[in-house]
C-alpha atoms as a PDB file:
ATOM      1  CA  MET A   1       0.000   0.000   0.000  1.00  0.00           C
ATOM      2  CA  SER A   2       1.337   3.426  -0.939  1.00  0.00           C
ATOM      3  CA  SER A   3       0.928   6.574   1.124  1.00  0.00           C
ATOM      4  CA  PHE A   4       0.139  10.177   0.215  1.00  0.00           C
ATOM      5  CA  GLY A   5       1.060  13.211   2.260  1.00  0.00           C
ATOM      6  CA  PHE A   6      -1.152  16.264   1.727  1.00  0.00           C
ATOM      7  CA  ILE A   7      -0.172  19.623   3.242  1.00  0.00           C
ATOM      8  CA  GLY A   8      -2.686  22.456   2.925  1.00  0.00           C
ATOM      9  CA  LEU A   9      -6.317  21.440   3.467  1.00  0.00           C
ATOM     10  CA  GLY A  10      -8.027  24.723   2.644  1.00  0.00           C
ATOM     11  CA  ASN A  11     -10.821  25.499   0.186  1.00  0.00           C
ATOM     12  CA  MET A  12      -9.024  23.771  -2.688  1.00  0.00           C
ATOM     13  CA  GLY A  13      -6.790  21.311  -0.873  1.00  0.00           C
ATOM     14  CA  ALA A  14      -9.546  19.743   1.229  1.00  0.00           C
ATOM     15  CA  PRO A  15     -11.705  18.500  -1.676  1.00  0.00           C
ATOM     16  CA  MET A  16      -8.608  17.417  -3.592  1.00  0.00           C
ATOM     17  CA  ALA A  17      -7.454  15.337  -0.636  1.00  0.00           C
ATOM     18  CA  ALA A  18     -10.988  13.979  -0.249  1.00  0.00           C
ATOM     19  CA  ASN A  19     -10.909  12.778  -3.855  1.00  0.00           C
ATOM     20  CA  LEU A  20      -7.613  11.018  -3.203  1.00  0.00           C
ATOM     21  CA  VAL A  21      -9.280   9.265  -0.279  1.00  0.00           C
ATOM     22  CA  LYS A  22     -12.235   8.240  -2.467  1.00  0.00           C
ATOM     23  CA  SER A  23      -9.971   6.841  -5.146  1.00  0.00           C
ATOM     24  CA  GLY A  24      -8.125   4.877  -2.486  1.00  0.00           C
ATOM     25  CA  GLU A  25     -11.379   3.427  -1.211  1.00  0.00           C
ATOM     26  CA  ARG A  26     -12.126   2.208  -4.727  1.00  0.00           C
ATOM     27  CA  ASP A  27      -8.807   0.480  -5.307  1.00  0.00           C
ATOM     28  CA  ALA A  28      -7.548  -0.054  -1.725  1.00  0.00           C
ATOM     29  CA  LEU A  29      -4.087   1.070  -2.783  1.00  0.00           C
ATOM     30  CA  HIS A  30      -3.243   3.972  -0.528  1.00  0.00           C
ATOM     31  CA  THR A  31      -3.799   6.094   2.549  1.00  0.00           C
ATOM     32  CA  VAL A  32      -3.829   9.889   2.732  1.00  0.00           C
ATOM     33  CA  LEU A  33      -2.000  11.597   5.600  1.00  0.00           C
ATOM     34  CA  GLY A  34      -2.890  15.269   5.912  1.00  0.00           C
ATOM     35  CA  PHE A  35      -1.954  18.401   7.795  1.00  0.00           C
ATOM     36  CA  ASP A  36      -3.051  22.033   7.896  1.00  0.00           C
ATOM     37  CA  VAL A  37      -2.209  24.796  10.356  1.00  0.00           C
ATOM     38  CA  VAL A  38      -5.926  25.631  10.757  1.00  0.00           C
ATOM     39  CA  PRO A  39      -7.702  23.305  13.238  1.00  0.00           C
ATOM     40  CA  ALA A  40     -11.088  23.627  11.505  1.00  0.00           C
ATOM     41  CA  SER A  41      -9.539  22.527   8.215  1.00  0.00           C
ATOM     42  CA  ARG A  42      -7.986  19.499   9.870  1.00  0.00           C
ATOM     43  CA  GLN A  43     -11.315  18.547  11.433  1.00  0.00           C
ATOM     44  CA  ALA A  44     -13.208  18.903   8.161  1.00  0.00           C
ATOM     45  CA  SER A  45     -10.711  16.768   6.256  1.00  0.00           C
ATOM     46  CA  ALA A  46     -10.751  14.139   8.975  1.00  0.00           C
ATOM     47  CA  GLN A  47     -14.478  13.766   8.295  1.00  0.00           C
ATOM     48  CA  ASP A  48     -13.602  13.192   4.628  1.00  0.00           C
ATOM     49  CA  GLY A  49     -11.355  10.303   5.563  1.00  0.00           C
ATOM     50  CA  VAL A  50      -7.972  12.034   5.578  1.00  0.00           C
ATOM     51  CA  ARG A  51      -5.768  10.682   8.355  1.00  0.00           C
ATOM     52  CA  ILE A  52      -4.752  13.843  10.199  1.00  0.00           C
ATOM     53  CA  VAL A  53      -1.231  13.900  11.633  1.00  0.00           C
ATOM     54  CA  ALA A  54       0.468  16.161  14.160  1.00  0.00           C
ATOM     55  CA  ASN A  55       2.564  18.273  11.806  1.00  0.00           C
ATOM     56  CA  ALA A  56       3.776  18.658   8.234  1.00  0.00           C
ATOM     57  CA  ARG A  57       6.791  16.432   8.772  1.00  0.00           C
ATOM     58  CA  ALA A  58       4.595  13.582   9.991  1.00  0.00           C
ATOM     59  CA  SER A  59       2.610  13.700   6.755  1.00  0.00           C
ATOM     60  CA  VAL A  60       5.788  13.331   4.697  1.00  0.00           C
ATOM     61  CA  SER A  61       8.113  10.882   6.419  1.00  0.00           C
ATOM     62  CA  ASP A  62       6.450   7.718   5.062  1.00  0.00           C
ATOM     63  CA  ALA A  63       4.769   9.188   1.987  1.00  0.00           C
ATOM     64  CA  ASP A  64       5.500   8.040  -1.550  1.00  0.00           C
ATOM     65  CA  ILE A  65       3.772  11.121  -2.977  1.00  0.00           C
ATOM     66  CA  VAL A  66       3.656  14.517  -1.222  1.00  0.00           C
ATOM     67  CA  ILE A  67       1.201  17.185  -2.389  1.00  0.00           C
ATOM     68  CA  THR A  68       1.211  20.782  -1.210  1.00  0.00           C
ATOM     69  CA  MET A  69      -1.556  23.352  -1.749  1.00  0.00           C
ATOM     70  CA  LEU A  70      -0.487  26.582  -0.086  1.00  0.00           C
ATOM     71  CA  PRO A  71      -1.171  30.344  -0.387  1.00  0.00           C
ATOM     72  CA  GLY A  72       2.118  31.655  -1.797  1.00  0.00           C
ATOM     73  CA  GLY A  73       5.685  31.010  -2.808  1.00  0.00           C
ATOM     74  CA  GLU A  74       7.076  31.865   0.615  1.00  0.00           C
ATOM     75  CA  HIS A  75       4.805  29.244   2.200  1.00  0.00           C
ATOM     76  CA  VAL A  76       5.831  26.570  -0.290  1.00  0.00           C
ATOM     77  CA  MET A  77       9.525  27.266   0.243  1.00  0.00           C
ATOM     78  CA  SER A  78       9.138  27.295   4.036  1.00  0.00           C
ATOM     79  CA  VAL A  79       7.236  24.003   4.104  1.00  0.00           C
ATOM     80  CA  TRP A  80       9.511  22.263   1.610  1.00  0.00           C
ATOM     81  CA  GLN A  81      12.614  23.390   3.519  1.00  0.00           C
ATOM     82  CA  ASP A  82      11.080  21.909   6.661  1.00  0.00           C
ATOM     83  CA  VAL A  83       9.918  18.571   5.293  1.00  0.00           C
ATOM     84  CA  LEU A  84      12.377  17.617   2.552  1.00  0.00           C
ATOM     85  CA  PRO A  85      15.068  16.494   5.038  1.00  0.00           C
ATOM     86  CA  VAL A  86      12.700  13.836   6.393  1.00  0.00           C
ATOM     87  CA  ALA A  87      11.167  12.824   3.061  1.00  0.00           C
ATOM     88  CA  LYS A  88      11.280   9.228   1.940  1.00  0.00           C
ATOM     89  CA  GLN A  89      13.954   8.616  -0.684  1.00  0.00           C
ATOM     90  CA  GLY A  90      12.289   8.047  -4.026  1.00  0.00           C
ATOM     91  CA  ALA A  91       9.279  10.176  -3.096  1.00  0.00           C
ATOM     92  CA  LEU A  92       7.704  12.614  -5.546  1.00  0.00           C
ATOM     93  CA  PHE A  93       6.754  16.138  -4.427  1.00  0.00           C
ATOM     94  CA  ILE A  94       3.902  17.868  -6.284  1.00  0.00           C
ATOM     95  CA  ASP A  95       3.103  21.501  -5.544  1.00  0.00           C
ATOM     96  CA  CYS A  96      -0.404  22.463  -6.689  1.00  0.00           C
ATOM     97  CA  SER A  97      -0.255  26.008  -5.321  1.00  0.00           C
ATOM     98  CA  THR A  98      -0.325  29.021  -7.639  1.00  0.00           C
ATOM     99  CA  ILE A  99       2.937  30.841  -6.897  1.00  0.00           C
ATOM    100  CA  ASP A 100       5.558  32.958  -8.615  1.00  0.00           C
ATOM    101  CA  VAL A 101       7.726  31.262 -11.219  1.00  0.00           C
ATOM    102  CA  ALA A 102      10.979  32.008  -9.391  1.00  0.00           C
ATOM    103  CA  SER A 103       9.767  30.296  -6.211  1.00  0.00           C
ATOM    104  CA  ALA A 104       8.495  27.309  -8.190  1.00  0.00           C
ATOM    105  CA  ARG A 105      11.896  26.834  -9.807  1.00  0.00           C
ATOM    106  CA  ALA A 106      13.622  27.331  -6.463  1.00  0.00           C
ATOM    107  CA  ALA A 107      11.414  24.605  -4.968  1.00  0.00           C
ATOM    108  CA  HIS A 108      12.418  22.216  -7.771  1.00  0.00           C
ATOM    109  CA  ALA A 109      16.092  22.974  -7.097  1.00  0.00           C
ATOM    110  CA  LEU A 110      15.631  22.444  -3.362  1.00  0.00           C
ATOM    111  CA  ALA A 111      13.997  19.065  -3.966  1.00  0.00           C
ATOM    112  CA  ALA A 112      16.824  18.063  -6.307  1.00  0.00           C
ATOM    113  CA  GLU A 113      19.364  18.898  -3.591  1.00  0.00           C
ATOM    114  CA  HIS A 114      17.655  16.242  -1.447  1.00  0.00           C
ATOM    115  CA  GLY A 115      17.435  13.721  -4.274  1.00  0.00           C
ATOM    116  CA  ILE A 116      13.661  14.143  -4.571  1.00  0.00           C
ATOM    117  CA  ALA A 117      11.735  14.451  -7.853  1.00  0.00           C
ATOM    118  CA  ALA A 118       9.311  17.358  -8.103  1.00  0.00           C
ATOM    119  CA  LEU A 119       6.495  18.831 -10.165  1.00  0.00           C
ATOM    120  CA  ASP A 120       4.797  22.216 -10.104  1.00  0.00           C
ATOM    121  CA  ALA A 121       1.147  21.598 -10.951  1.00  0.00           C
ATOM    122  CA  PRO A 122      -1.134  24.611 -10.424  1.00  0.00           C
ATOM    123  CA  VAL A 123      -4.804  24.068 -11.144  1.00  0.00           C
ATOM    124  CA  SER A 124      -7.712  25.651 -12.952  1.00  0.00           C
ATOM    125  CA  GLY A 125     -11.346  24.913 -12.208  1.00  0.00           C
ATOM    126  CA  GLY A 126     -11.986  26.493  -8.839  1.00  0.00           C
ATOM    127  CA  VAL A 127     -13.589  24.911  -5.793  1.00  0.00           C
ATOM    128  CA  GLY A 128     -16.304  23.336  -7.926  1.00  0.00           C
ATOM    129  CA  GLY A 129     -13.722  21.579 -10.063  1.00  0.00           C
ATOM    130  CA  ALA A 130     -11.822  20.465  -6.974  1.00  0.00           C
ATOM    131  CA  LYS A 131     -14.957  18.898  -5.515  1.00  0.00           C
ATOM    132  CA  ALA A 132     -15.970  17.247  -8.780  1.00  0.00           C
ATOM    133  CA  ALA A 133     -12.423  16.056  -9.577  1.00  0.00           C
ATOM    134  CA  THR A 134     -12.566  17.898 -12.909  1.00  0.00           C
ATOM    135  CA  LEU A 135      -9.596  20.231 -12.393  1.00  0.00           C
ATOM    136  CA  THR A 136      -7.098  21.051 -15.111  1.00  0.00           C
ATOM    137  CA  PHE A 137      -3.494  20.646 -13.973  1.00  0.00           C
ATOM    138  CA  MET A 138      -0.731  22.607 -15.714  1.00  0.00           C
ATOM    139  CA  VAL A 139       2.438  20.703 -14.932  1.00  0.00           C
ATOM    140  CA  GLY A 140       6.110  21.618 -15.005  1.00  0.00           C
ATOM    141  CA  GLY A 141       8.931  19.173 -14.411  1.00  0.00           C
ATOM    142  CA  SER A 142      10.891  16.376 -16.043  1.00  0.00           C
ATOM    143  CA  THR A 143       9.248  13.854 -18.342  1.00  0.00           C
ATOM    144  CA  ALA A 144      10.026  11.073 -15.872  1.00  0.00           C
ATOM    145  CA  ALA A 145       8.504  12.950 -12.934  1.00  0.00           C
ATOM    146  CA  PHE A 146       5.423  13.811 -15.005  1.00  0.00           C
ATOM    147  CA  ALA A 147       4.952  10.137 -15.920  1.00  0.00           C
ATOM    148  CA  ARG A 148       4.919   9.290 -12.207  1.00  0.00           C
ATOM    149  CA  GLY A 149       2.697  12.187 -11.229  1.00  0.00           C
ATOM    150  CA  LYS A 150       0.052  12.007 -13.955  1.00  0.00           C
ATOM    151  CA  PRO A 151      -1.848   8.990 -12.534  1.00  0.00           C
ATOM    152  CA  VAL A 152      -1.992  10.772  -9.169  1.00  0.00           C
ATOM    153  CA  LEU A 153      -3.288  14.007 -10.669  1.00  0.00           C
ATOM    154  CA  GLU A 154      -5.888  12.070 -12.652  1.00  0.00           C
ATOM    155  CA  ARG A 155      -7.457  11.097  -9.327  1.00  0.00           C
ATOM    156  CA  MET A 156      -8.167  14.790  -8.706  1.00  0.00           C
ATOM    157  CA  GLY A 157      -8.633  16.235 -12.189  1.00  0.00           C
ATOM    158  CA  LYS A 158      -9.858  15.711 -15.709  1.00  0.00           C
ATOM    159  CA  ARG A 159      -7.167  17.294 -17.862  1.00  0.00           C
ATOM    160  CA  ILE A 160      -3.454  16.951 -17.124  1.00  0.00           C
ATOM    161  CA  VAL A 161      -1.114  18.958 -19.376  1.00  0.00           C
ATOM    162  CA  HIS A 162       2.669  18.686 -19.312  1.00  0.00           C
ATOM    163  CA  CYS A 163       3.878  22.240 -20.014  1.00  0.00           C
ATOM    164  CA  GLY A 164       7.609  21.533 -19.993  1.00  0.00           C
ATOM    165  CA  ALA A 165      10.475  22.037 -17.598  1.00  0.00           C
ATOM    166  CA  ALA A 166      10.478  23.113 -13.950  1.00  0.00           C
ATOM    167  CA  GLY A 167       8.268  26.141 -13.328  1.00  0.00           C
ATOM    168  CA  ASN A 168       6.456  25.973 -16.649  1.00  0.00           C
ATOM    169  CA  GLY A 169       3.222  24.871 -14.999  1.00  0.00           C
ATOM    170  CA  GLN A 170       3.198  28.205 -13.177  1.00  0.00           C
ATOM    171  CA  VAL A 171       4.058  30.029 -16.404  1.00  0.00           C
ATOM    172  CA  ALA A 172       1.063  28.445 -18.138  1.00  0.00           C
ATOM    173  CA  LYS A 173      -1.228  29.268 -15.220  1.00  0.00           C
ATOM    174  CA  ILE A 174      -0.377  32.962 -15.022  1.00  0.00           C
ATOM    175  CA  CYS A 175      -0.501  33.387 -18.806  1.00  0.00           C
ATOM    176  CA  ASN A 176      -3.918  31.712 -18.948  1.00  0.00           C
ATOM    177  CA  ASN A 177      -5.302  33.829 -16.118  1.00  0.00           C
ATOM    178  CA  MET A 178      -3.900  37.012 -17.592  1.00  0.00           C
ATOM    179  CA  ILE A 179      -5.997  36.244 -20.681  1.00  0.00           C
ATOM    180  CA  LEU A 180      -8.991  35.435 -18.480  1.00  0.00           C
ATOM    181  CA  GLY A 181      -8.771  38.587 -16.370  1.00  0.00           C
ATOM    182  CA  ALA A 182      -8.397  40.908 -19.342  1.00  0.00           C
ATOM    183  CA  ALA A 183     -11.136  39.105 -21.289  1.00  0.00           C
ATOM    184  CA  MET A 184     -13.621  39.418 -18.422  1.00  0.00           C
ATOM    185  CA  ILE A 185     -13.037  43.164 -18.279  1.00  0.00           C
ATOM    186  CA  ALA A 186     -13.520  43.436 -22.056  1.00  0.00           C
ATOM    187  CA  VAL A 187     -16.741  41.410 -21.940  1.00  0.00           C
ATOM    188  CA  SER A 188     -17.996  43.528 -19.039  1.00  0.00           C
ATOM    189  CA  GLU A 189     -17.231  46.743 -20.918  1.00  0.00           C
ATOM    190  CA  ALA A 190     -19.149  45.461 -23.938  1.00  0.00           C
ATOM    191  CA  PHE A 191     -22.232  44.657 -21.854  1.00  0.00           C
ATOM    192  CA  VAL A 192     -22.129  48.038 -20.130  1.00  0.00           C
ATOM    193  CA  LEU A 193     -21.777  49.825 -23.463  1.00  0.00           C
ATOM    194  CA  GLY A 194     -24.704  47.783 -24.817  1.00  0.00           C
ATOM    195  CA  GLU A 195     -26.812  48.690 -21.781  1.00  0.00           C
ATOM    196  CA  LYS A 196     -26.186  52.401 -22.234  1.00  0.00           C
ATOM    197  CA  LEU A 197     -27.078  52.186 -25.929  1.00  0.00           C
ATOM    198  CA  GLY A 198     -30.302  50.264 -25.322  1.00  0.00           C
ATOM    199  CA  LEU A 199     -29.172  46.740 -26.305  1.00  0.00           C
ATOM    200  CA  SER A 200     -30.495  43.868 -24.189  1.00  0.00           C
ATOM    201  CA  HIS A 201     -28.120  41.478 -22.486  1.00  0.00           C
ATOM    202  CA  GLN A 202     -29.641  38.523 -24.290  1.00  0.00           C
ATOM    203  CA  ALA A 203     -29.308  40.125 -27.721  1.00  0.00           C
ATOM    204  CA  LEU A 204     -25.632  40.892 -27.187  1.00  0.00           C
ATOM    205  CA  PHE A 205     -25.022  37.396 -25.858  1.00  0.00           C
ATOM    206  CA  ASP A 206     -26.810  35.774 -28.812  1.00  0.00           C
ATOM    207  CA  VAL A 207     -24.699  37.741 -31.262  1.00  0.00           C
ATOM    208  CA  ALA A 208     -21.291  37.648 -29.577  1.00  0.00           C
ATOM    209  CA  SER A 209     -21.501  34.018 -28.466  1.00  0.00           C
ATOM    210  CA  ALA A 210     -21.897  32.957 -32.104  1.00  0.00           C
ATOM    211  CA  SER A 211     -19.517  35.530 -33.574  1.00  0.00           C
ATOM    212  CA  SER A 212     -15.921  36.688 -33.324  1.00  0.00           C
ATOM    213  CA  GLY A 213     -16.427  38.020 -29.773  1.00  0.00           C
ATOM    214  CA  GLN A 214     -16.946  34.498 -28.450  1.00  0.00           C
ATOM    215  CA  CYS A 215     -14.781  33.587 -25.425  1.00  0.00           C
ATOM    216  CA  TRP A 216     -15.035  31.615 -22.181  1.00  0.00           C
ATOM    217  CA  SER A 217     -15.701  34.764 -20.137  1.00  0.00           C
ATOM    218  CA  LEU A 218     -18.812  35.273 -22.242  1.00  0.00           C
ATOM    219  CA  THR A 219     -20.181  31.815 -22.945  1.00  0.00           C
ATOM    220  CA  SER A 220     -19.348  30.008 -19.692  1.00  0.00           C
ATOM    221  CA  TYR A 221     -19.072  32.817 -17.148  1.00  0.00           C
ATOM    222  CA  CYS A 222     -21.222  35.627 -18.498  1.00  0.00           C
ATOM    223  CA  PRO A 223     -20.993  38.597 -16.084  1.00  0.00           C
ATOM    224  CA  VAL A 224     -24.685  39.570 -16.365  1.00  0.00           C
ATOM    225  CA  PRO A 225     -27.658  37.545 -15.081  1.00  0.00           C
ATOM    226  CA  GLY A 226     -29.718  35.581 -17.558  1.00  0.00           C
ATOM    227  CA  PRO A 227     -27.821  34.241 -20.577  1.00  0.00           C
ATOM    228  CA  VAL A 228     -25.728  31.617 -18.695  1.00  0.00           C
ATOM    229  CA  PRO A 229     -27.789  30.261 -15.759  1.00  0.00           C
ATOM    230  CA  THR A 230     -24.787  28.665 -14.036  1.00  0.00           C
ATOM    231  CA  SER A 231     -22.660  31.835 -13.996  1.00  0.00           C
ATOM    232  CA  PRO A 232     -22.059  33.613 -10.657  1.00  0.00           C
ATOM    233  CA  ALA A 233     -23.975  36.630 -11.982  1.00  0.00           C
ATOM    234  CA  ASN A 234     -27.158  34.616 -11.363  1.00  0.00           C
ATOM    235  CA  HIS A 235     -26.161  33.896  -7.766  1.00  0.00           C
ATOM    236  CA  GLY A 236     -25.205  37.292  -6.370  1.00  0.00           C
ATOM    237  CA  TYR A 237     -21.635  36.903  -7.633  1.00  0.00           C
ATOM    238  CA  LYS A 238     -20.892  34.254  -5.052  1.00  0.00           C
ATOM    239  CA  PRO A 239     -17.349  33.296  -5.954  1.00  0.00           C
ATOM    240  CA  GLY A 240     -16.307  30.331  -7.929  1.00  0.00           C
ATOM    241  CA  PHE A 241     -13.045  32.250  -8.398  1.00  0.00           C
ATOM    242  CA  SER A 242     -12.769  35.361  -6.269  1.00  0.00           C
ATOM    243  CA  ALA A 243     -11.569  38.778  -7.340  1.00  0.00           C
ATOM    244  CA  ALA A 244      -8.789  38.439  -4.751  1.00  0.00           C
ATOM    245  CA  LEU A 245      -7.469  35.314  -6.452  1.00  0.00           C
ATOM    246  CA  MET A 246      -7.682  36.916  -9.877  1.00  0.00           C
ATOM    247  CA  LEU A 247      -5.726  39.887  -8.561  1.00  0.00           C
ATOM    248  CA  LYS A 248      -3.116  37.543  -7.103  1.00  0.00           C
ATOM    249  CA  ASP A 249      -2.611  35.829 -10.464  1.00  0.00           C
ATOM    250  CA  LEU A 250      -2.519  39.102 -12.413  1.00  0.00           C
ATOM    251  CA  LYS A 251       0.128  40.426 -10.025  1.00  0.00           C
ATOM    252  CA  LEU A 252       2.159  37.239 -10.504  1.00  0.00           C
ATOM    253  CA  ALA A 253       1.923  37.707 -14.265  1.00  0.00           C
ATOM    254  CA  ARG A 254       2.960  41.359 -13.959  1.00  0.00           C
ATOM    255  CA  GLU A 255       5.960  40.438 -11.795  1.00  0.00           C
ATOM    256  CA  ALA A 256       7.002  37.670 -14.187  1.00  0.00           C
ATOM    257  CA  ALA A 257       6.711  40.023 -17.163  1.00  0.00           C
ATOM    258  CA  ALA A 258       8.890  42.598 -15.424  1.00  0.00           C
ATOM    259  CA  SER A 259      11.523  39.965 -14.640  1.00  0.00           C
ATOM    260  CA  VAL A 260      12.009  39.108 -18.334  1.00  0.00           C
ATOM    261  CA  GLY A 261      11.190  42.458 -19.912  1.00  0.00           C
ATOM    262  CA  ALA A 262       7.962  41.307 -21.579  1.00  0.00           C
ATOM    263  CA  ASN A 263       5.461  43.944 -22.688  1.00  0.00           C
ATOM    264  CA  THR A 264       2.104  42.949 -21.178  1.00  0.00           C
ATOM    265  CA  ALA A 265       0.312  46.295 -21.102  1.00  0.00           C
ATOM    266  CA  LEU A 266      -3.216  44.860 -21.121  1.00  0.00           C
ATOM    267  CA  GLY A 267      -2.389  42.371 -18.395  1.00  0.00           C
ATOM    268  CA  ALA A 268      -0.829  45.093 -16.264  1.00  0.00           C
ATOM    269  CA  HIS A 269      -3.851  47.346 -16.729  1.00  0.00           C
ATOM    270  CA  ALA A 270      -6.182  44.468 -15.826  1.00  0.00           C
ATOM    271  CA  ALA A 271      -4.217  44.067 -12.579  1.00  0.00           C
ATOM    272  CA  GLU A 272      -4.720  47.776 -11.828  1.00  0.00           C
ATOM    273  CA  ILE A 273      -8.475  47.493 -12.418  1.00  0.00           C
ATOM    274  CA  TYR A 274      -8.834  44.458 -10.140  1.00  0.00           C
ATOM    275  CA  GLU A 275      -6.656  46.138  -7.527  1.00  0.00           C
ATOM    276  CA  HIS A 276      -9.033  49.087  -7.503  1.00  0.00           C
ATOM    277  CA  PHE A 277     -11.987  46.701  -7.183  1.00  0.00           C
ATOM    278  CA  ALA A 278     -10.327  44.954  -4.238  1.00  0.00           C
ATOM    279  CA  GLN A 279      -9.501  48.257  -2.543  1.00  0.00           C
ATOM    280  CA  ASP A 280     -13.185  49.172  -2.790  1.00  0.00           C
ATOM    281  CA  GLY A 281     -13.959  46.139  -0.615  1.00  0.00           C
ATOM    282  CA  HIS A 282     -14.963  43.532  -3.184  1.00  0.00           C
ATOM    283  CA  SER A 283     -12.114  41.004  -2.892  1.00  0.00           C
ATOM    284  CA  ALA A 284     -14.500  38.253  -1.804  1.00  0.00           C
ATOM    285  CA  ALA A 285     -16.866  38.660  -4.769  1.00  0.00           C
ATOM    286  CA  ASP A 286     -16.485  36.556  -7.876  1.00  0.00           C
ATOM    287  CA  PHE A 287     -14.067  38.092 -10.348  1.00  0.00           C
ATOM    288  CA  SER A 288     -16.891  38.487 -12.881  1.00  0.00           C
ATOM    289  CA  ALA A 289     -18.408  41.079 -10.546  1.00  0.00           C
ATOM    290  CA  ILE A 290     -15.838  43.447 -12.063  1.00  0.00           C
ATOM    291  CA  ILE A 291     -18.716  44.511 -14.318  1.00  0.00           C
ATOM    292  CA  ASN A 292     -20.071  46.505 -11.367  1.00  0.00           C
ATOM    293  CA  LEU A 293     -16.870  48.533 -11.254  1.00  0.00           C
ATOM    294  CA  VAL A 294     -17.099  49.082 -15.011  1.00  0.00           C
ATOM    295  CA  ARG A 295     -20.639  50.452 -14.550  1.00  0.00           C
ATOM    296  CA  GLY A 296     -19.319  52.977 -12.046  1.00  0.00           C
ATOM    297  CA  PRO A 297     -18.531  53.368  -8.337  1.00  0.00           C
ATOM    298  CA  SER A 298     -22.179  53.828  -7.406  1.00  0.00           C
ATOM    299  CA  GLU A 299     -22.978  50.351  -8.711  1.00  0.00           C
ATOM    300  CA  SER A 300     -19.909  48.465  -7.517  1.00  0.00           C
ATOM    301  CA  GLY A 301     -21.605  47.327  -4.299  1.00  0.00           C
END
């Protein structure tokens, strides 16, 4: 029987770990040892069948696969520095956090110093995808490490894409979300312009969704109520992916662009717009609620 260590049992990590438990129940091949610094998170995951241990090191020492899902690069580096010295030789470390590219590559190097294989594997799909095991994983690391990690990631997701060498999973994630953030603002601006000129939401949707304006921000996550019943706009902008998380990813993209001298003017401006939205107190809203900022300050609540 193999063993998984899972560190970081928050909104995303908890359902991912739960899906690992479920897959183990089906094939009786593994156990999942978990740890989080938040007691409530530990208790919730224990109810999902994760075997809670006393600390991060205890989740790693006998684990064949170690998965981390943490808030930022500094957290990943701190945890990996703590646990790698006690990791089982031959183990594979998979970081599913969304962090800066430099930290991701530093984590790979740190693992290599301890003779441990590693992958960076940030996700797309939000909490809903984590619960349904339909996440997309963007994976950076060696071909050999990816071959080992893919069957594990398939227990938690639907699409697993090898993006290349160490850190490239993070590169793919921030590039994708830079597109997403800018596209949502553009879609929102189009709907607001249509409103002011007397065009109905449904008419614009019917045209753009079947024309050259078609994009995921429109057809799957429409920022106005009505055209896409499952979009957060129909549920008070309750977040599937919060504005705070979008801002985090746009800032990571902006920092990465600055580090290599890439011109990403639209991405940088999108970060400024979401930063303004967050400063107005709307970090917890879904990122598609940015349309309320586009309409004007009086409607951003």
